[in-house]
Amino acid sequence: MRALVTGAAGFIGSAVATALAGDGHDVVGLDAFSDSYERWRKQDNLRALQGHARFRLIEADLASADFSADLSALVGSVDVVFHLAAQAGVRPSWGERFGRYVEENVVATQHLLDACRRARQPPRVVFASSSSVYGDPGPGPSAEDDALRPRNPYGVTKVAGEHLFRVYAESWGVPSVLLRLFTVYGPGQRPDMAMFRLCEAALGGPPFPLYGDGSQRREFTYVGDVVRAFQLAATADLEPATALNVAGGSSVSMAELIERVGVAAGGAVPVEHREAKPGDVAVTAADARRRTSWLGWAPVVALDDGLRAQMAWHRQVRARV
């Protein structure tokens, strides 16, 4: 298989690219190396791929019109595109930075899809969507057919991305799978994410900023399980623009998570209490009815096992730098 991975230096993108190259597939990684967090961290994500015969890295911006011809050539040379390039994060998506989210999450996605529809044989695109498209789930867990009612601008851009995939599927026959990811964690995680901050706090870093009273719940999904979902979605027999939940299997409160991180670290996590922020949902929880029957996927890494793996990675990075 020949694959293009966008956002290849990011948290999930680098894990997908590493797994594909390790399995013997030819991989082109594309990343803009934006300043959303330190460049050295993204480069560190690609350590395992340095010098790999099956991997080639291109530094370019999907949202740039100047890159359109090169992008069309790239897309036309691969069998599948794993589209993980995005501006992530809920809280920074409010206010003046929203334009950047539109550029990196909507415009970039449209450029990619336009390149796909110009290809002689459009490749399948596996899109990293988000549980943020649902908003608060209401009385039960979120199912793929639920109304999409995001509670923050970031979620709005992910809904827009999904709609673009449907438009290009219906109008141009671009095949795609939309994976709605629920709070991914594990080695390589972005420094703005809660689990990263919790682990760093437990290892002597700044206290963890807890927004709200700790009762909010999240469904955490280990990055290795997410990588398997992307690999399966590349070849699964699914209708174009099919949306599927990818979730870890249990919803945990932030208060409980803080305790479990402390156990993994071998000491209590220092916490700094702050007021809840607008746009933060109270609960994320997934209805799992489709994921095993349609994709043939189920999570296998338990939360405590994943926490130990992420904690080990934090210690390794600290030792290197």
C-alpha atoms as a PDB file:
ATOM      1  CA  MET A   1       0.000   0.000   0.000  1.00  0.00           C
ATOM      2  CA  ARG A   2       1.143   3.525  -0.800  1.00  0.00           C
ATOM      3  CA  ALA A   3      -0.083   6.045   1.767  1.00  0.00           C
ATOM      4  CA  LEU A   4      -0.046   9.777   2.369  1.00  0.00           C
ATOM      5  CA  VAL A   5      -0.293  10.854   6.021  1.00  0.00           C
ATOM      6  CA  THR A   6      -1.111  14.515   6.612  1.00  0.00           C
ATOM      7  CA  GLY A   7      -0.120  15.916   9.991  1.00  0.00           C
ATOM      8  CA  ALA A   8       2.578  13.230  10.003  1.00  0.00           C
ATOM      9  CA  ALA A   9       4.679  14.907  12.708  1.00  0.00           C
ATOM     10  CA  GLY A  10       1.749  15.310  15.078  1.00  0.00           C
ATOM     11  CA  PHE A  11       0.646  13.063  17.913  1.00  0.00           C
ATOM     12  CA  ILE A  12      -1.619  10.607  16.074  1.00  0.00           C
ATOM     13  CA  GLY A  13      -0.239  11.207  12.587  1.00  0.00           C
ATOM     14  CA  SER A  14       3.272  10.179  13.599  1.00  0.00           C
ATOM     15  CA  ALA A  15       1.940   7.028  15.260  1.00  0.00           C
ATOM     16  CA  VAL A  16      -0.016   6.110  12.104  1.00  0.00           C
ATOM     17  CA  ALA A  17       2.977   6.813   9.834  1.00  0.00           C
ATOM     18  CA  THR A  18       5.329   4.794  12.051  1.00  0.00           C
ATOM     19  CA  ALA A  19       2.969   1.804  12.120  1.00  0.00           C
ATOM     20  CA  LEU A  20       2.438   1.860   8.345  1.00  0.00           C
ATOM     21  CA  ALA A  21       6.156   2.065   7.517  1.00  0.00           C
ATOM     22  CA  GLY A  22       6.878  -0.641  10.084  1.00  0.00           C
ATOM     23  CA  ASP A  23       4.381  -2.909   8.312  1.00  0.00           C
ATOM     24  CA  GLY A  24       6.230  -2.438   5.013  1.00  0.00           C
ATOM     25  CA  HIS A  25       4.008   0.184   3.357  1.00  0.00           C
ATOM     26  CA  ASP A  26       5.426   3.142   1.434  1.00  0.00           C
ATOM     27  CA  VAL A  27       4.540   6.316   3.328  1.00  0.00           C
ATOM     28  CA  VAL A  28       4.760   9.994   2.433  1.00  0.00           C
ATOM     29  CA  GLY A  29       4.385  12.197   5.483  1.00  0.00           C
ATOM     30  CA  LEU A  30       3.161  15.751   5.055  1.00  0.00           C
ATOM     31  CA  ASP A  31       3.364  18.336   7.842  1.00  0.00           C
ATOM     32  CA  ALA A  32       3.439  22.137   8.026  1.00  0.00           C
ATOM     33  CA  PHE A  33       5.286  22.149  11.385  1.00  0.00           C
ATOM     34  CA  SER A  34       3.035  24.976  12.566  1.00  0.00           C
ATOM     35  CA  ASP A  35       3.870  26.790  15.789  1.00  0.00           C
ATOM     36  CA  SER A  36       0.969  25.282  17.747  1.00  0.00           C
ATOM     37  CA  TYR A  37       3.674  23.719  19.934  1.00  0.00           C
ATOM     38  CA  GLU A  38       7.422  23.270  19.867  1.00  0.00           C
ATOM     39  CA  ARG A  39       8.966  22.004  16.643  1.00  0.00           C
ATOM     40  CA  TRP A  40      11.401  19.746  18.497  1.00  0.00           C
ATOM     41  CA  ARG A  41       8.504  17.769  19.940  1.00  0.00           C
ATOM     42  CA  LYS A  42       7.138  17.081  16.456  1.00  0.00           C
ATOM     43  CA  GLN A  43      10.583  16.107  15.228  1.00  0.00           C
ATOM     44  CA  ASP A  44      10.918  13.817  18.246  1.00  0.00           C
ATOM     45  CA  ASN A  45       7.667  12.121  17.218  1.00  0.00           C
ATOM     46  CA  LEU A  46       9.406  11.087  13.989  1.00  0.00           C
ATOM     47  CA  ARG A  47      12.563   9.702  15.619  1.00  0.00           C
ATOM     48  CA  ALA A  48      11.660   6.111  14.715  1.00  0.00           C
ATOM     49  CA  LEU A  49      11.245   7.083  11.044  1.00  0.00           C
ATOM     50  CA  GLN A  50      14.530   8.914  10.570  1.00  0.00           C
ATOM     51  CA  GLY A  51      16.363   7.229   7.717  1.00  0.00           C
ATOM     52  CA  HIS A  52      13.546   4.689   7.208  1.00  0.00           C
ATOM     53  CA  ALA A  53      13.580   3.396   3.633  1.00  0.00           C
ATOM     54  CA  ARG A  54       9.769   3.347   3.457  1.00  0.00           C
ATOM     55  CA  PHE A  55       9.196   6.904   4.694  1.00  0.00           C
ATOM     56  CA  ARG A  56       9.569  10.303   3.055  1.00  0.00           C
ATOM     57  CA  LEU A  57       8.733  13.606   4.778  1.00  0.00           C
ATOM     58  CA  ILE A  58       7.520  16.743   3.012  1.00  0.00           C
ATOM     59  CA  GLU A  59       7.203  20.021   4.889  1.00  0.00           C
ATOM     60  CA  ALA A  60       4.301  21.931   3.337  1.00  0.00           C
ATOM     61  CA  ASP A  61       0.999  23.615   4.191  1.00  0.00           C
ATOM     62  CA  LEU A  62      -2.173  21.972   2.878  1.00  0.00           C
ATOM     63  CA  ALA A  63      -4.012  25.290   3.093  1.00  0.00           C
ATOM     64  CA  SER A  64      -1.558  27.032   0.760  1.00  0.00           C
ATOM     65  CA  ALA A  65      -2.815  27.577  -2.777  1.00  0.00           C
ATOM     66  CA  ASP A  66       0.806  27.501  -4.000  1.00  0.00           C
ATOM     67  CA  PHE A  67       1.017  23.837  -2.986  1.00  0.00           C
ATOM     68  CA  SER A  68      -2.024  22.709  -5.010  1.00  0.00           C
ATOM     69  CA  ALA A  69      -0.131  21.272  -8.006  1.00  0.00           C
ATOM     70  CA  ASP A  70       2.285  19.318  -5.810  1.00  0.00           C
ATOM     71  CA  LEU A  71      -0.605  18.107  -3.673  1.00  0.00           C
ATOM     72  CA  SER A  72      -2.473  16.813  -6.732  1.00  0.00           C
ATOM     73  CA  ALA A  73       0.615  14.874  -7.826  1.00  0.00           C
ATOM     74  CA  LEU A  74       1.032  13.428  -4.338  1.00  0.00           C
ATOM     75  CA  VAL A  75      -2.587  12.381  -4.010  1.00  0.00           C
ATOM     76  CA  GLY A  76      -2.548  10.810  -7.452  1.00  0.00           C
ATOM     77  CA  SER A  77       0.391   8.591  -6.487  1.00  0.00           C
ATOM     78  CA  VAL A  78      -1.099   6.909  -3.404  1.00  0.00           C
ATOM     79  CA  ASP A  79      -3.797   4.366  -2.589  1.00  0.00           C
ATOM     80  CA  VAL A  80      -4.999   5.927   0.661  1.00  0.00           C
ATOM     81  CA  VAL A  81      -4.741   9.252   2.458  1.00  0.00           C
ATOM     82  CA  PHE A  82      -4.820   9.440   6.250  1.00  0.00           C
ATOM     83  CA  HIS A  83      -5.905  13.019   6.910  1.00  0.00           C
ATOM     84  CA  LEU A  84      -4.809  14.038  10.407  1.00  0.00           C
ATOM     85  CA  ALA A  85      -3.510  17.563   9.731  1.00  0.00           C
ATOM     86  CA  ALA A  86      -5.525  20.019  11.839  1.00  0.00           C
ATOM     87  CA  GLN A  87      -5.456  22.831  14.332  1.00  0.00           C
ATOM     88  CA  ALA A  88      -6.552  21.057  17.495  1.00  0.00           C
ATOM     89  CA  GLY A  89      -7.725  22.265  20.894  1.00  0.00           C
ATOM     90  CA  VAL A  90     -11.086  23.485  22.140  1.00  0.00           C
ATOM     91  CA  ARG A  91     -10.290  26.498  24.324  1.00  0.00           C
ATOM     92  CA  PRO A  92      -7.981  28.369  21.889  1.00  0.00           C
ATOM     93  CA  SER A  93     -10.616  28.133  19.122  1.00  0.00           C
ATOM     94  CA  TRP A  94     -12.607  31.041  20.559  1.00  0.00           C
ATOM     95  CA  GLY A  95     -11.914  34.611  19.479  1.00  0.00           C
ATOM     96  CA  GLU A  96      -9.242  35.867  17.114  1.00  0.00           C
ATOM     97  CA  ARG A  97      -7.615  32.468  16.532  1.00  0.00           C
ATOM     98  CA  PHE A  98     -10.743  31.030  14.933  1.00  0.00           C
ATOM     99  CA  GLY A  99      -9.493  32.105  11.500  1.00  0.00           C
ATOM    100  CA  ARG A 100      -6.544  29.772  11.909  1.00  0.00           C
ATOM    101  CA  TYR A 101      -8.890  26.891  12.719  1.00  0.00           C
ATOM    102  CA  VAL A 102     -10.874  27.633   9.563  1.00  0.00           C
ATOM    103  CA  GLU A 103      -7.686  27.655   7.470  1.00  0.00           C
ATOM    104  CA  GLU A 104      -6.179  24.475   8.896  1.00  0.00           C
ATOM    105  CA  ASN A 105      -9.354  22.433   9.470  1.00  0.00           C
ATOM    106  CA  VAL A 106     -11.689  23.547   6.673  1.00  0.00           C
ATOM    107  CA  VAL A 107      -9.691  25.184   3.871  1.00  0.00           C
ATOM    108  CA  ALA A 108      -6.903  22.582   4.094  1.00  0.00           C
ATOM    109  CA  THR A 109      -9.460  19.765   3.981  1.00  0.00           C
ATOM    110  CA  GLN A 110     -11.159  21.278   0.927  1.00  0.00           C
ATOM    111  CA  HIS A 111      -7.798  21.570  -0.850  1.00  0.00           C
ATOM    112  CA  LEU A 112      -7.076  17.913  -0.120  1.00  0.00           C
ATOM    113  CA  LEU A 113     -10.475  16.761  -1.346  1.00  0.00           C
ATOM    114  CA  ASP A 114     -10.214  18.858  -4.480  1.00  0.00           C
ATOM    115  CA  ALA A 115      -6.895  17.171  -5.231  1.00  0.00           C
ATOM    116  CA  CYS A 116      -8.561  13.785  -4.695  1.00  0.00           C
ATOM    117  CA  ARG A 117     -11.410  14.470  -7.075  1.00  0.00           C
ATOM    118  CA  ARG A 118      -8.924  15.506  -9.797  1.00  0.00           C
ATOM    119  CA  ALA A 119      -7.074  12.198  -9.501  1.00  0.00           C
ATOM    120  CA  ARG A 120      -7.695   9.572 -12.191  1.00  0.00           C
ATOM    121  CA  GLN A 121      -8.601   7.145  -9.409  1.00  0.00           C
ATOM    122  CA  PRO A 122      -9.468   9.028  -6.186  1.00  0.00           C
ATOM    123  CA  PRO A 123      -7.751   7.434  -3.181  1.00  0.00           C
ATOM    124  CA  ARG A 124      -9.700   6.561  -0.086  1.00  0.00           C
ATOM    125  CA  VAL A 125      -9.351   9.209   2.603  1.00  0.00           C
ATOM    126  CA  VAL A 126      -9.536   8.314   6.299  1.00  0.00           C
ATOM    127  CA  PHE A 127     -10.379  11.511   8.178  1.00  0.00           C
ATOM    128  CA  ALA A 128      -9.614  12.228  11.825  1.00  0.00           C
ATOM    129  CA  SER A 129     -12.851  13.783  13.036  1.00  0.00           C
ATOM    130  CA  SER A 130     -13.678  14.311  16.710  1.00  0.00           C
ATOM    131  CA  SER A 131     -16.206  13.596  19.425  1.00  0.00           C
ATOM    132  CA  SER A 132     -16.469  17.396  19.645  1.00  0.00           C
ATOM    133  CA  VAL A 133     -18.952  17.243  16.749  1.00  0.00           C
ATOM    134  CA  TYR A 134     -21.597  15.931  19.170  1.00  0.00           C
ATOM    135  CA  GLY A 135     -21.431  18.485  21.966  1.00  0.00           C
ATOM    136  CA  ASP A 136     -22.974  17.168  25.162  1.00  0.00           C
ATOM    137  CA  PRO A 137     -24.465  13.704  24.572  1.00  0.00           C
ATOM    138  CA  GLY A 138     -27.648  14.255  26.578  1.00  0.00           C
ATOM    139  CA  PRO A 139     -29.233  11.285  28.351  1.00  0.00           C
ATOM    140  CA  GLY A 140     -27.067   8.616  26.734  1.00  0.00           C
ATOM    141  CA  PRO A 141     -23.794   8.015  24.890  1.00  0.00           C
ATOM    142  CA  SER A 142     -23.262   9.584  21.473  1.00  0.00           C
ATOM    143  CA  ALA A 143     -24.217   7.461  18.459  1.00  0.00           C
ATOM    144  CA  GLU A 144     -23.145   8.172  14.905  1.00  0.00           C
ATOM    145  CA  ASP A 145     -26.674   9.115  13.827  1.00  0.00           C
ATOM    146  CA  ASP A 146     -27.136  11.687  16.603  1.00  0.00           C
ATOM    147  CA  ALA A 147     -27.537  15.342  15.731  1.00  0.00           C
ATOM    148  CA  LEU A 148     -24.232  17.217  15.499  1.00  0.00           C
ATOM    149  CA  ARG A 149     -24.369  20.124  17.939  1.00  0.00           C
ATOM    150  CA  PRO A 150     -20.816  21.203  18.802  1.00  0.00           C
ATOM    151  CA  ARG A 151     -20.376  23.521  21.759  1.00  0.00           C
ATOM    152  CA  ASN A 152     -17.195  25.235  20.621  1.00  0.00           C
ATOM    153  CA  PRO A 153     -15.683  26.649  17.417  1.00  0.00           C
ATOM    154  CA  TYR A 154     -13.210  23.770  17.100  1.00  0.00           C
ATOM    155  CA  GLY A 155     -16.121  21.327  16.921  1.00  0.00           C
ATOM    156  CA  VAL A 156     -17.785  23.522  14.304  1.00  0.00           C
ATOM    157  CA  THR A 157     -14.736  23.175  12.030  1.00  0.00           C
ATOM    158  CA  LYS A 158     -14.775  19.398  12.440  1.00  0.00           C
ATOM    159  CA  VAL A 159     -18.463  19.299  11.468  1.00  0.00           C
ATOM    160  CA  ALA A 160     -17.604  21.429   8.425  1.00  0.00           C
ATOM    161  CA  GLY A 161     -14.870  18.968   7.508  1.00  0.00           C
ATOM    162  CA  GLU A 162     -17.301  16.053   7.694  1.00  0.00           C
ATOM    163  CA  HIS A 163     -19.796  17.893   5.482  1.00  0.00           C
ATOM    164  CA  LEU A 164     -17.058  18.502   2.914  1.00  0.00           C
ATOM    165  CA  PHE A 165     -16.347  14.775   2.790  1.00  0.00           C
ATOM    166  CA  ARG A 166     -20.026  14.057   2.162  1.00  0.00           C
ATOM    167  CA  VAL A 167     -20.207  16.682  -0.593  1.00  0.00           C
ATOM    168  CA  TYR A 168     -17.152  15.259  -2.372  1.00  0.00           C
ATOM    169  CA  ALA A 169     -18.429  11.698  -1.956  1.00  0.00           C
ATOM    170  CA  GLU A 170     -21.832  12.521  -3.437  1.00  0.00           C
ATOM    171  CA  SER A 171     -20.624  14.842  -6.204  1.00  0.00           C
ATOM    172  CA  TRP A 172     -17.270  13.351  -7.182  1.00  0.00           C
ATOM    173  CA  GLY A 173     -17.227   9.814  -5.782  1.00  0.00           C
ATOM    174  CA  VAL A 174     -14.317  10.415  -3.403  1.00  0.00           C
ATOM    175  CA  PRO A 175     -14.290   7.404  -1.024  1.00  0.00           C
ATOM    176  CA  SER A 176     -13.800   8.223   2.650  1.00  0.00           C
ATOM    177  CA  VAL A 177     -14.239   7.094   6.239  1.00  0.00           C
ATOM    178  CA  LEU A 178     -14.788   9.594   9.071  1.00  0.00           C
ATOM    179  CA  LEU A 179     -13.408   8.457  12.419  1.00  0.00           C
ATOM    180  CA  ARG A 180     -14.803  10.386  15.382  1.00  0.00           C
ATOM    181  CA  LEU A 181     -12.032  10.112  17.940  1.00  0.00           C
ATOM    182  CA  PHE A 182     -12.738  10.286  21.669  1.00  0.00           C
ATOM    183  CA  THR A 183      -9.937  11.901  23.758  1.00  0.00           C
ATOM    184  CA  VAL A 184      -6.830  10.148  22.494  1.00  0.00           C
ATOM    185  CA  TYR A 185      -3.861   9.755  24.869  1.00  0.00           C
ATOM    186  CA  GLY A 186      -0.545   7.940  24.974  1.00  0.00           C
ATOM    187  CA  PRO A 187       3.117   8.430  23.996  1.00  0.00           C
ATOM    188  CA  GLY A 188       3.681  11.456  21.766  1.00  0.00           C
ATOM    189  CA  GLN A 189       0.674  13.372  23.063  1.00  0.00           C
ATOM    190  CA  ARG A 190       0.421  17.124  22.453  1.00  0.00           C
ATOM    191  CA  PRO A 191       1.551  19.309  25.380  1.00  0.00           C
ATOM    192  CA  ASP A 192      -1.755  21.199  25.507  1.00  0.00           C
ATOM    193  CA  MET A 193      -3.767  18.074  26.327  1.00  0.00           C
ATOM    194  CA  ALA A 194      -4.976  17.217  29.813  1.00  0.00           C
ATOM    195  CA  MET A 195      -3.246  13.845  30.098  1.00  0.00           C
ATOM    196  CA  PHE A 196       0.097  15.361  29.097  1.00  0.00           C
ATOM    197  CA  ARG A 197      -0.267  18.085  31.734  1.00  0.00           C
ATOM    198  CA  LEU A 198      -1.312  15.565  34.367  1.00  0.00           C
ATOM    199  CA  CYS A 199       1.723  13.380  33.722  1.00  0.00           C
ATOM    200  CA  GLU A 200       4.079  16.359  33.742  1.00  0.00           C
ATOM    201  CA  ALA A 201       2.548  17.640  36.989  1.00  0.00           C
ATOM    202  CA  ALA A 202       3.042  14.210  38.556  1.00  0.00           C
ATOM    203  CA  LEU A 203       6.716  14.260  37.538  1.00  0.00           C
ATOM    204  CA  GLY A 204       7.478  17.636  39.084  1.00  0.00           C
ATOM    205  CA  GLY A 205       6.114  20.027  36.495  1.00  0.00           C
ATOM    206  CA  PRO A 206       3.581  22.832  37.055  1.00  0.00           C
ATOM    207  CA  PRO A 207       0.387  21.898  38.928  1.00  0.00           C
ATOM    208  CA  PHE A 208      -2.393  20.532  36.738  1.00  0.00           C
ATOM    209  CA  PRO A 209      -5.053  23.193  35.942  1.00  0.00           C
ATOM    210  CA  LEU A 210      -8.387  21.562  36.750  1.00  0.00           C
ATOM    211  CA  TYR A 211     -11.255  23.485  35.182  1.00  0.00           C
ATOM    212  CA  GLY A 212     -14.486  22.909  37.097  1.00  0.00           C
ATOM    213  CA  ASP A 213     -15.050  20.553  40.001  1.00  0.00           C
ATOM    214  CA  GLY A 214     -13.601  17.396  38.427  1.00  0.00           C
ATOM    215  CA  SER A 215     -16.971  15.768  37.795  1.00  0.00           C
ATOM    216  CA  GLN A 216     -16.749  16.174  34.022  1.00  0.00           C
ATOM    217  CA  ARG A 217     -16.225  12.844  32.292  1.00  0.00           C
ATOM    218  CA  ARG A 218     -14.190  11.865  29.241  1.00  0.00           C
ATOM    219  CA  GLU A 219     -13.874   8.651  27.271  1.00  0.00           C
ATOM    220  CA  PHE A 220     -10.135   8.102  26.875  1.00  0.00           C
ATOM    221  CA  THR A 221      -8.762   6.117  23.925  1.00  0.00           C
ATOM    222  CA  TYR A 222      -5.200   4.805  23.695  1.00  0.00           C
ATOM    223  CA  VAL A 223      -3.275   5.943  20.631  1.00  0.00           C
ATOM    224  CA  GLY A 224      -2.265   2.400  19.666  1.00  0.00           C
ATOM    225  CA  ASP A 225      -5.927   1.411  19.473  1.00  0.00           C
ATOM    226  CA  VAL A 226      -6.621   4.494  17.348  1.00  0.00           C
ATOM    227  CA  VAL A 227      -3.827   3.540  14.939  1.00  0.00           C
ATOM    228  CA  ARG A 228      -5.453   0.130  14.425  1.00  0.00           C
ATOM    229  CA  ALA A 229      -8.762   1.841  13.645  1.00  0.00           C
ATOM    230  CA  PHE A 230      -7.079   3.936  10.937  1.00  0.00           C
ATOM    231  CA  GLN A 231      -5.419   0.873   9.443  1.00  0.00           C
ATOM    232  CA  LEU A 232      -8.699  -1.051   9.332  1.00  0.00           C
ATOM    233  CA  ALA A 233     -10.565   1.924   7.870  1.00  0.00           C
ATOM    234  CA  ALA A 234      -8.148   2.012   4.938  1.00  0.00           C
ATOM    235  CA  THR A 235      -9.588  -1.192   3.485  1.00  0.00           C
ATOM    236  CA  ALA A 236     -12.966  -1.739   5.208  1.00  0.00           C
ATOM    237  CA  ASP A 237     -15.972  -2.206   2.936  1.00  0.00           C
ATOM    238  CA  LEU A 238     -17.911   0.936   3.860  1.00  0.00           C
ATOM    239  CA  GLU A 239     -20.082   3.457   2.067  1.00  0.00           C
ATOM    240  CA  PRO A 240     -18.325   6.755   1.257  1.00  0.00           C
ATOM    241  CA  ALA A 241     -18.324   9.285   4.115  1.00  0.00           C
ATOM    242  CA  THR A 242     -19.293   6.688   6.725  1.00  0.00           C
ATOM    243  CA  ALA A 243     -18.821   8.085  10.247  1.00  0.00           C
ATOM    244  CA  LEU A 244     -17.662   5.789  13.051  1.00  0.00           C
ATOM    245  CA  ASN A 245     -16.976   6.364  16.727  1.00  0.00           C
ATOM    246  CA  VAL A 246     -13.508   5.343  17.923  1.00  0.00           C
ATOM    247  CA  ALA A 247     -13.544   5.272  21.715  1.00  0.00           C
ATOM    248  CA  GLY A 248     -11.784   3.555  24.571  1.00  0.00           C
ATOM    249  CA  GLY A 249     -14.781   1.831  26.118  1.00  0.00           C
ATOM    250  CA  SER A 250     -15.321   3.628  29.426  1.00  0.00           C
ATOM    251  CA  SER A 251     -15.987   7.177  30.560  1.00  0.00           C
ATOM    252  CA  VAL A 252     -13.901   8.409  33.522  1.00  0.00           C
ATOM    253  CA  SER A 253     -14.298  11.553  35.624  1.00  0.00           C
ATOM    254  CA  MET A 254     -11.405  13.996  35.763  1.00  0.00           C
ATOM    255  CA  ALA A 255     -11.227  13.519  39.536  1.00  0.00           C
ATOM    256  CA  GLU A 256     -10.800   9.769  39.096  1.00  0.00           C
ATOM    257  CA  LEU A 257      -8.285  10.278  36.303  1.00  0.00           C
ATOM    258  CA  ILE A 258      -6.128  12.481  38.532  1.00  0.00           C
ATOM    259  CA  GLU A 259      -6.000   9.698  41.115  1.00  0.00           C
ATOM    260  CA  ARG A 260      -5.109   7.064  38.502  1.00  0.00           C
ATOM    261  CA  VAL A 261      -2.328   9.190  37.037  1.00  0.00           C
ATOM    262  CA  GLY A 262      -0.971   9.568  40.560  1.00  0.00           C
ATOM    263  CA  VAL A 263      -0.909   5.801  40.965  1.00  0.00           C
ATOM    264  CA  ALA A 264       0.932   5.416  37.636  1.00  0.00           C
ATOM    265  CA  ALA A 265       3.467   8.049  38.693  1.00  0.00           C
ATOM    266  CA  GLY A 266       3.884   6.768  42.227  1.00  0.00           C
ATOM    267  CA  GLY A 267       2.767  10.005  43.888  1.00  0.00           C
ATOM    268  CA  ALA A 268      -0.052  12.533  44.132  1.00  0.00           C
ATOM    269  CA  VAL A 269      -0.670  14.968  41.276  1.00  0.00           C
ATOM    270  CA  PRO A 270      -0.585  18.645  42.360  1.00  0.00           C
ATOM    271  CA  VAL A 271      -3.755  20.421  41.177  1.00  0.00           C
ATOM    272  CA  GLU A 272      -4.650  24.070  40.675  1.00  0.00           C
ATOM    273  CA  HIS A 273      -8.425  24.603  40.717  1.00  0.00           C
ATOM    274  CA  ARG A 274      -9.906  26.964  38.132  1.00  0.00           C
ATOM    275  CA  GLU A 275     -13.379  27.962  36.974  1.00  0.00           C
ATOM    276  CA  ALA A 276     -15.026  25.935  34.224  1.00  0.00           C
ATOM    277  CA  LYS A 277     -14.569  27.300  30.715  1.00  0.00           C
ATOM    278  CA  PRO A 278     -17.306  28.020  28.119  1.00  0.00           C
ATOM    279  CA  GLY A 279     -17.568  25.329  25.461  1.00  0.00           C
ATOM    280  CA  ASP A 280     -16.272  22.489  27.652  1.00  0.00           C
ATOM    281  CA  VAL A 281     -18.736  19.607  27.560  1.00  0.00           C
ATOM    282  CA  ALA A 282     -19.755  17.815  30.746  1.00  0.00           C
ATOM    283  CA  VAL A 283     -19.472  14.289  29.328  1.00  0.00           C
ATOM    284  CA  THR A 284     -18.045  12.481  26.322  1.00  0.00           C
ATOM    285  CA  ALA A 285     -19.200   8.891  25.923  1.00  0.00           C
ATOM    286  CA  ALA A 286     -19.570   6.782  22.785  1.00  0.00           C
ATOM    287  CA  ASP A 287     -22.220   4.352  21.645  1.00  0.00           C
ATOM    288  CA  ALA A 288     -20.142   1.418  20.383  1.00  0.00           C
ATOM    289  CA  ARG A 289     -22.801  -0.359  18.327  1.00  0.00           C
ATOM    290  CA  ARG A 290     -21.213   0.236  14.932  1.00  0.00           C
ATOM    291  CA  ARG A 291     -17.519   0.087  15.597  1.00  0.00           C
ATOM    292  CA  THR A 292     -17.114  -3.690  15.932  1.00  0.00           C
ATOM    293  CA  SER A 293     -19.668  -4.779  13.320  1.00  0.00           C
ATOM    294  CA  TRP A 294     -18.775  -2.258  10.606  1.00  0.00           C
ATOM    295  CA  LEU A 295     -15.053  -1.706  11.111  1.00  0.00           C
ATOM    296  CA  GLY A 296     -14.087  -4.879  12.944  1.00  0.00           C
ATOM    297  CA  TRP A 297     -12.400  -2.862  15.688  1.00  0.00           C
ATOM    298  CA  ALA A 298     -12.526  -2.779  19.475  1.00  0.00           C
ATOM    299  CA  PRO A 299     -10.202  -1.164  22.041  1.00  0.00           C
ATOM    300  CA  VAL A 300      -7.729  -3.529  23.685  1.00  0.00           C
ATOM    301  CA  VAL A 301      -5.578  -1.242  25.876  1.00  0.00           C
ATOM    302  CA  ALA A 302      -7.026  -0.613  29.341  1.00  0.00           C
ATOM    303  CA  LEU A 303      -6.719   2.904  30.744  1.00  0.00           C
ATOM    304  CA  ASP A 304      -4.246   2.025  33.512  1.00  0.00           C
ATOM    305  CA  ASP A 305      -1.998   0.169  31.049  1.00  0.00           C
ATOM    306  CA  GLY A 306      -2.081   3.136  28.691  1.00  0.00           C
ATOM    307  CA  LEU A 307      -1.284   5.531  31.525  1.00  0.00           C
ATOM    308  CA  ARG A 308       1.803   3.527  32.434  1.00  0.00           C
ATOM    309  CA  ALA A 309       2.956   3.617  28.803  1.00  0.00           C
ATOM    310  CA  GLN A 310       2.456   7.366  28.573  1.00  0.00           C
ATOM    311  CA  MET A 311       4.210   7.955  31.903  1.00  0.00           C
ATOM    312  CA  ALA A 312       7.186   5.925  30.675  1.00  0.00           C
ATOM    313  CA  TRP A 313       7.332   8.050  27.529  1.00  0.00           C
ATOM    314  CA  HIS A 314       7.335  11.273  29.581  1.00  0.00           C
ATOM    315  CA  ARG A 315      10.283   9.974  31.594  1.00  0.00           C
ATOM    316  CA  GLN A 316      12.150   9.039  28.412  1.00  0.00           C
ATOM    317  CA  VAL A 317      11.653  12.448  26.827  1.00  0.00           C
ATOM    318  CA  ARG A 318      12.716  14.191  30.027  1.00  0.00           C
ATOM    319  CA  ALA A 319      15.880  12.080  30.082  1.00  0.00           C
ATOM    320  CA  ARG A 320      16.716  13.023  26.485  1.00  0.00           C
ATOM    321  CA  VAL A 321      16.216  16.756  26.884  1.00  0.00           C
END
